[in-house]
Amino acid sequence: MKPVTLIGAPTDVGASIRGASMGPEALRVADIAGALVRNGLDVTDLGNLVGPGNPNLPPTDGVRHLPEVVAWNRLVMDATYQALATGQLPLLMGGDHCLAIGSVNAAARYCREQGKKLLVLWLDAHADANTGSTSPTGNTHGMPVACLCGDGPAPLVSLGGVTPATSPRNIRQIGIRSVDAEEKKRLRELGLTVYDMRYIDENGMRATMEQALAGIDGDTHLHVSFDVDFLDSQIAPGVGTAVRGGPTYREAHLALEMIEDTGALGSIDVVELNPARDVHNQTAELVVELLESLFGKSTLLR
């Protein structure tokens, strides 16, 4: 596997509940670098990007903190692209989920230049397909999927210079169980592939992941956008917007092991970890365990 580059993005400008800005340090305390090194990976920690603070203001035209969100996403996009262009596998440590606008734009640019197909796996409790006109809060961590598909504030939609950054058919969502009323309509209009918790309950995680990973080949760049609230809140309390009824400990490990089995992993976000809501850093430690599965750790040699 390519060398892994850790990129910290300590911000919560896209969320209303503060604390995700401490996520990168929580992962470092949980020894994310050491865990990956012990699994045979070459790991470099670039430290934290430095961007604007959180002004904690109400929405303007339905969107909160747009200038700050744009600034942070530009920083993330540039750092992620630089890692990809130099043969690294970037692991973005957020920060809230608005940052995926930057990381996915970077992956999309890399794929265009390399002639690769982009596939984004969106592991999340929320669909993140709101816009300023449908969002009940104006928080941009609920808007990145819409922005990446060309629907949102112009500075975010055009962040990478190509609009839309990617097609909805390149995004597959897994674990969804909290969708706003108007957002449901947008999901259908966009034609996104969504494996919600009912689908997982009815079919099991193995069959779900087989469907979600179908079509991957040697020309595929797989970007995993892992929102920690994808996990059931009983095992992962340290998030800003916890939702009960998510994947269990074993289901989550299986999902990430099956992603690793494809050999196509090219970039990853780990976002919405909120130490202010955690208990003795247990959620960060769980995330590090799961990342080991994503990067090849298994019970037996397979």
Protein backbone atom coordinates (compact mmCIF):
# COMPACT_ATOMS: atom_id res chain seq x y z
CA MET A 1 0.00 0.00 0.00
CA LYS A 2 1.09 3.57 -0.63
CA PRO A 3 2.64 5.56 2.23
CA VAL A 4 -0.02 7.19 4.40
CA THR A 5 -0.02 10.95 5.03
CA LEU A 6 -2.00 12.21 8.02
CA ILE A 7 -3.50 15.68 7.56
CA GLY A 8 -5.17 17.39 10.52
CA ALA A 9 -8.00 19.85 9.90
CA PRO A 10 -9.06 21.12 13.35
CA THR A 11 -12.27 22.99 12.63
CA ASP A 12 -15.97 22.85 13.42
CA VAL A 13 -17.08 25.81 11.27
CA GLY A 14 -19.55 23.59 9.42
CA ALA A 15 -21.34 22.37 12.56
CA SER A 16 -23.50 23.93 15.25
CA ILE A 17 -22.20 21.70 18.06
CA ARG A 18 -18.63 22.62 18.87
CA GLY A 19 -15.85 20.11 19.51
CA ALA A 20 -14.98 18.42 16.20
CA SER A 21 -12.02 20.77 16.00
CA MET A 22 -10.38 18.60 18.66
CA GLY A 23 -10.78 15.45 16.60
CA PRO A 24 -7.26 15.32 15.12
CA GLU A 25 -5.62 15.46 18.54
CA ALA A 26 -7.95 12.79 19.91
CA LEU A 27 -6.85 10.47 17.10
CA ARG A 28 -3.21 11.24 17.85
CA VAL A 29 -3.77 10.52 21.56
CA ALA A 30 -5.28 7.18 20.46
CA ASP A 31 -1.98 6.58 18.59
CA ILE A 32 -3.31 6.50 15.05
CA ALA A 33 0.18 6.77 13.54
CA GLY A 34 1.62 4.02 15.75
CA ALA A 35 -1.28 1.68 15.01
CA LEU A 36 -0.79 2.02 11.25
CA VAL A 37 2.99 1.64 11.54
CA ARG A 38 2.51 -1.59 13.53
CA ASN A 39 0.51 -2.87 10.55
CA GLY A 40 3.47 -2.34 8.25
CA LEU A 41 2.60 1.06 6.82
CA ASP A 42 4.87 4.00 6.19
CA VAL A 43 3.17 6.94 7.96
CA THR A 44 3.91 10.67 7.94
CA ASP A 45 1.98 13.14 10.07
CA LEU A 46 1.96 16.58 8.44
CA GLY A 47 0.46 18.16 11.54
CA ASN A 48 -2.54 20.46 11.41
CA LEU A 49 -3.64 22.87 8.72
CA VAL A 50 -4.15 26.40 10.01
CA GLY A 51 -7.36 28.16 9.00
CA PRO A 52 -9.90 30.65 10.31
CA GLY A 53 -11.62 30.25 13.66
CA ASN A 54 -15.29 29.58 14.23
CA PRO A 55 -17.20 32.91 14.42
CA ASN A 56 -20.33 31.12 15.70
CA LEU A 57 -22.72 33.29 13.67
CA PRO A 58 -26.28 32.67 12.43
CA PRO A 59 -26.93 31.73 8.78
CA THR A 60 -26.64 34.20 5.92
CA ASP A 61 -28.86 33.24 2.96
CA GLY A 62 -29.39 29.86 4.57
CA VAL A 63 -25.69 29.04 5.11
CA ARG A 64 -23.50 29.52 8.18
CA HIS A 65 -19.86 30.61 8.01
CA LEU A 66 -19.49 30.36 4.23
CA PRO A 67 -16.18 32.31 3.99
CA GLU A 68 -14.61 30.17 6.71
CA VAL A 69 -15.94 26.93 5.20
CA VAL A 70 -14.52 27.88 1.80
CA ALA A 71 -11.13 28.73 3.33
CA TRP A 72 -10.88 25.43 5.20
CA ASN A 73 -11.95 23.39 2.19
CA ARG A 74 -9.41 25.08 -0.01
CA LEU A 75 -6.68 24.20 2.51
CA VAL A 76 -7.90 20.59 2.64
CA MET A 77 -8.18 20.34 -1.15
CA ASP A 78 -4.64 21.60 -1.71
CA ALA A 79 -3.07 19.41 0.97
CA THR A 80 -4.96 16.30 -0.15
CA TYR A 81 -4.11 16.83 -3.79
CA GLN A 82 -0.43 17.39 -2.96
CA ALA A 83 -0.33 14.07 -1.11
CA LEU A 84 -2.02 12.24 -3.98
CA ALA A 85 0.20 13.83 -6.61
CA THR A 86 3.33 12.68 -4.77
CA GLY A 87 2.22 9.07 -4.45
CA GLN A 88 0.82 9.23 -0.92
CA LEU A 89 -2.49 8.03 0.50
CA PRO A 90 -3.97 11.04 2.33
CA LEU A 91 -5.90 10.43 5.55
CA LEU A 92 -7.76 13.58 6.52
CA MET A 93 -8.36 13.89 10.25
CA GLY A 94 -11.27 16.28 10.81
CA GLY A 95 -12.96 18.39 11.76
CA ASP A 96 -16.54 18.33 10.62
CA HIS A 97 -17.89 16.73 7.44
CA CYS A 98 -18.02 19.92 5.38
CA LEU A 99 -14.30 19.27 4.80
CA ALA A 100 -15.13 16.43 2.41
CA ILE A 101 -15.93 19.05 -0.23
CA GLY A 102 -12.22 19.78 -0.35
CA SER A 103 -10.93 16.22 -0.11
CA VAL A 104 -13.29 14.80 -2.74
CA ASN A 105 -12.49 17.68 -5.09
CA ALA A 106 -8.82 16.78 -4.71
CA ALA A 107 -9.49 13.10 -5.42
CA ALA A 108 -11.63 14.03 -8.44
CA ARG A 109 -8.85 16.19 -9.88
CA TYR A 110 -6.31 13.42 -9.33
CA CYS A 111 -8.58 10.92 -11.08
CA ARG A 112 -9.10 13.21 -14.07
CA GLU A 113 -5.34 13.62 -14.46
CA GLN A 114 -4.57 9.92 -14.00
CA GLY A 115 -7.46 8.61 -16.09
CA LYS A 116 -8.95 6.79 -13.12
CA LYS A 117 -12.56 6.24 -12.10
CA LEU A 118 -13.58 7.86 -8.81
CA LEU A 119 -15.85 6.02 -6.40
CA VAL A 120 -16.81 7.70 -3.11
CA LEU A 121 -18.12 5.57 -0.25
CA TRP A 122 -19.99 7.84 2.16
CA LEU A 123 -20.23 6.13 5.56
CA ASP A 124 -22.62 8.25 7.58
CA ALA A 125 -25.81 8.40 9.62
CA HIS A 126 -26.85 11.47 7.60
CA ALA A 127 -27.31 11.96 3.87
CA ASP A 128 -25.58 15.39 3.83
CA ALA A 129 -27.56 16.42 0.75
CA ASN A 130 -29.16 19.59 2.07
CA THR A 131 -28.81 23.05 0.53
CA GLY A 132 -29.26 26.49 2.00
CA SER A 133 -32.94 26.39 1.06
CA THR A 134 -33.65 22.96 2.60
CA SER A 135 -31.37 22.88 5.65
CA PRO A 136 -33.12 23.57 8.97
CA THR A 137 -29.84 24.80 10.50
CA GLY A 138 -27.67 26.26 7.73
CA ASN A 139 -24.76 24.05 8.84
CA THR A 140 -22.59 23.08 5.90
CA HIS A 141 -21.64 19.70 7.37
CA GLY A 142 -25.11 18.72 6.18
CA MET A 143 -24.44 19.92 2.62
CA PRO A 144 -21.21 18.38 1.21
CA VAL A 145 -22.88 15.72 -0.96
CA ALA A 146 -25.16 18.32 -2.57
CA CYS A 147 -22.20 20.65 -3.15
CA LEU A 148 -20.10 17.90 -4.73
CA CYS A 149 -23.01 17.11 -7.06
CA GLY A 150 -23.28 20.76 -8.15
CA ASP A 151 -26.04 22.05 -5.87
CA GLY A 152 -25.03 24.62 -3.25
CA PRO A 153 -23.23 27.92 -2.69
CA ALA A 154 -21.20 28.86 -5.77
CA PRO A 155 -17.82 29.12 -3.97
CA LEU A 156 -18.19 25.54 -2.73
CA VAL A 157 -19.72 24.06 -5.88
CA SER A 158 -16.87 25.49 -7.99
CA LEU A 159 -14.10 24.94 -5.43
CA GLY A 160 -12.04 22.63 -7.63
CA GLY A 161 -12.66 24.49 -10.89
CA VAL A 162 -14.91 21.76 -12.35
CA THR A 163 -18.67 21.78 -11.75
CA PRO A 164 -19.97 19.42 -10.55
CA ALA A 165 -16.94 17.95 -8.82
CA THR A 166 -18.32 14.47 -9.41
CA SER A 167 -21.44 12.75 -10.62
CA PRO A 168 -24.02 11.43 -8.12
CA ARG A 169 -23.53 7.99 -9.68
CA ASN A 170 -19.98 8.02 -8.24
CA ILE A 171 -21.22 8.32 -4.65
CA ARG A 172 -22.61 5.39 -2.66
CA GLN A 173 -23.94 6.06 0.82
CA ILE A 174 -23.99 3.44 3.58
CA GLY A 175 -25.59 3.45 7.03
CA ILE A 176 -27.98 6.36 6.44
CA ARG A 177 -30.73 6.67 9.06
CA SER A 178 -31.37 10.41 9.55
CA VAL A 179 -32.67 12.43 6.57
CA ASP A 180 -34.54 15.74 6.66
CA ALA A 181 -37.94 15.92 4.93
CA GLU A 182 -36.86 18.11 2.00
CA GLU A 183 -33.55 16.28 1.81
CA LYS A 184 -35.37 13.05 0.98
CA LYS A 185 -36.69 14.69 -2.17
CA ARG A 186 -33.22 15.92 -3.13
CA LEU A 187 -31.77 12.44 -2.73
CA ARG A 188 -34.32 11.08 -5.16
CA GLU A 189 -33.77 13.95 -7.61
CA LEU A 190 -30.01 13.43 -7.53
CA GLY A 191 -30.38 9.69 -8.03
CA LEU A 192 -27.86 8.82 -5.32
CA THR A 193 -27.32 5.18 -4.40
CA VAL A 194 -28.21 4.90 -0.71
CA TYR A 195 -27.91 1.77 1.42
CA ASP A 196 -29.80 2.90 4.50
CA MET A 197 -30.04 1.01 7.77
CA ARG A 198 -33.24 -0.71 6.68
CA TYR A 199 -31.36 -2.12 3.68
CA ILE A 200 -28.57 -3.31 5.97
CA ASP A 201 -31.09 -4.81 8.42
CA GLU A 202 -32.86 -6.70 5.65
CA ASN A 203 -29.81 -7.85 3.68
CA GLY A 204 -26.91 -7.88 6.13
CA MET A 205 -23.66 -5.95 6.00
CA ARG A 206 -21.88 -8.47 3.77
CA ALA A 207 -24.46 -8.26 0.97
CA THR A 208 -24.68 -4.50 1.38
CA MET A 209 -20.95 -4.03 0.96
CA GLU A 210 -20.85 -6.42 -1.99
CA GLN A 211 -23.40 -4.16 -3.69
CA ALA A 212 -21.63 -0.96 -2.65
CA LEU A 213 -18.26 -2.21 -3.92
CA ALA A 214 -19.57 -3.70 -7.18
CA GLY A 215 -17.71 -2.64 -10.30
CA ILE A 216 -14.42 -1.72 -8.66
CA ASP A 217 -11.42 -2.64 -10.81
CA GLY A 218 -7.77 -1.72 -11.19
CA ASP A 219 -8.66 1.68 -12.63
CA THR A 220 -10.77 2.71 -9.63
CA HIS A 221 -9.68 5.24 -7.02
CA LEU A 222 -11.75 4.59 -3.90
CA HIS A 223 -12.30 7.54 -1.57
CA VAL A 224 -13.83 6.67 1.80
CA SER A 225 -15.55 9.50 3.64
CA PHE A 226 -16.01 8.10 7.14
CA ASP A 227 -18.24 10.14 9.43
CA VAL A 228 -17.84 8.65 12.89
CA ASP A 229 -21.57 8.96 13.53
CA PHE A 230 -21.93 6.17 10.95
CA LEU A 231 -21.39 3.93 13.98
CA ASP A 232 -24.09 3.14 16.49
CA SER A 233 -24.01 5.75 19.24
CA GLN A 234 -23.84 3.05 21.93
CA ILE A 235 -20.30 2.19 20.85
CA ALA A 236 -19.30 5.65 19.55
CA PRO A 237 -20.70 8.40 21.79
CA GLY A 238 -18.01 10.92 20.86
CA VAL A 239 -19.77 12.64 17.95
CA GLY A 240 -21.72 15.87 17.60
CA THR A 241 -24.87 14.44 16.04
CA ALA A 242 -25.28 10.92 17.38
CA VAL A 243 -28.05 8.75 15.93
CA ARG A 244 -29.08 5.43 17.46
CA GLY A 245 -29.39 2.29 15.40
CA GLY A 246 -26.19 2.33 13.36
CA PRO A 247 -23.80 -0.48 12.47
CA THR A 248 -22.51 -2.58 15.34
CA TYR A 249 -18.86 -3.09 16.24
CA ARG A 250 -18.57 -6.24 14.14
CA GLU A 251 -20.60 -4.88 11.22
CA ALA A 252 -18.31 -1.85 11.05
CA HIS A 253 -15.18 -3.99 11.06
CA LEU A 254 -16.60 -6.20 8.31
CA ALA A 255 -17.47 -3.18 6.17
CA LEU A 256 -13.96 -1.77 6.43
CA GLU A 257 -12.28 -5.14 5.94
CA MET A 258 -14.27 -5.62 2.74
CA ILE A 259 -13.19 -2.18 1.53
CA GLU A 260 -9.57 -3.15 2.14
CA ASP A 261 -10.08 -6.39 0.22
CA THR A 262 -10.69 -4.39 -2.98
CA GLY A 263 -7.14 -3.01 -3.00
CA ALA A 264 -8.56 0.23 -4.42
CA LEU A 265 -8.39 2.51 -1.36
CA GLY A 266 -6.81 5.79 -2.42
CA SER A 267 -7.87 8.42 0.12
CA ILE A 268 -9.94 8.72 3.28
CA ASP A 269 -11.65 11.25 5.52
CA VAL A 270 -12.24 10.62 9.23
CA VAL A 271 -14.59 13.34 10.39
CA GLU A 272 -17.05 14.41 13.11
CA LEU A 273 -15.10 12.85 15.98
CA ASN A 274 -15.99 15.08 18.94
CA PRO A 275 -13.90 14.48 22.09
CA ALA A 276 -16.10 16.91 24.05
CA ARG A 277 -18.91 14.33 23.77
CA ASP A 278 -16.71 11.27 24.31
CA VAL A 279 -16.01 9.07 27.34
CA HIS A 280 -12.30 8.62 28.10
CA ASN A 281 -11.45 8.89 24.38
CA GLN A 282 -13.15 5.54 23.71
CA THR A 283 -14.59 6.66 20.36
CA ALA A 284 -11.19 7.77 19.06
CA GLU A 285 -9.70 4.46 20.16
CA LEU A 286 -12.49 2.58 18.38
CA VAL A 287 -11.90 4.60 15.21
CA VAL A 288 -8.21 3.69 15.28
CA GLU A 289 -9.16 0.00 15.65
CA LEU A 290 -11.45 0.28 12.65
CA LEU A 291 -8.80 2.05 10.59
CA GLU A 292 -6.48 -0.88 11.26
CA SER A 293 -9.09 -3.11 9.60
CA LEU A 294 -9.33 -0.65 6.71
CA PHE A 295 -5.57 -0.84 6.26
CA GLY A 296 -5.24 -4.60 6.31
CA LYS A 297 -5.34 -5.95 9.86
CA SER A 298 -7.18 -9.29 10.05
CA THR A 299 -7.58 -12.13 12.49
CA LEU A 300 -6.04 -14.68 10.10
CA LEU A 301 -3.84 -14.46 7.05
CA ARG A 302 -6.19 -14.07 4.10
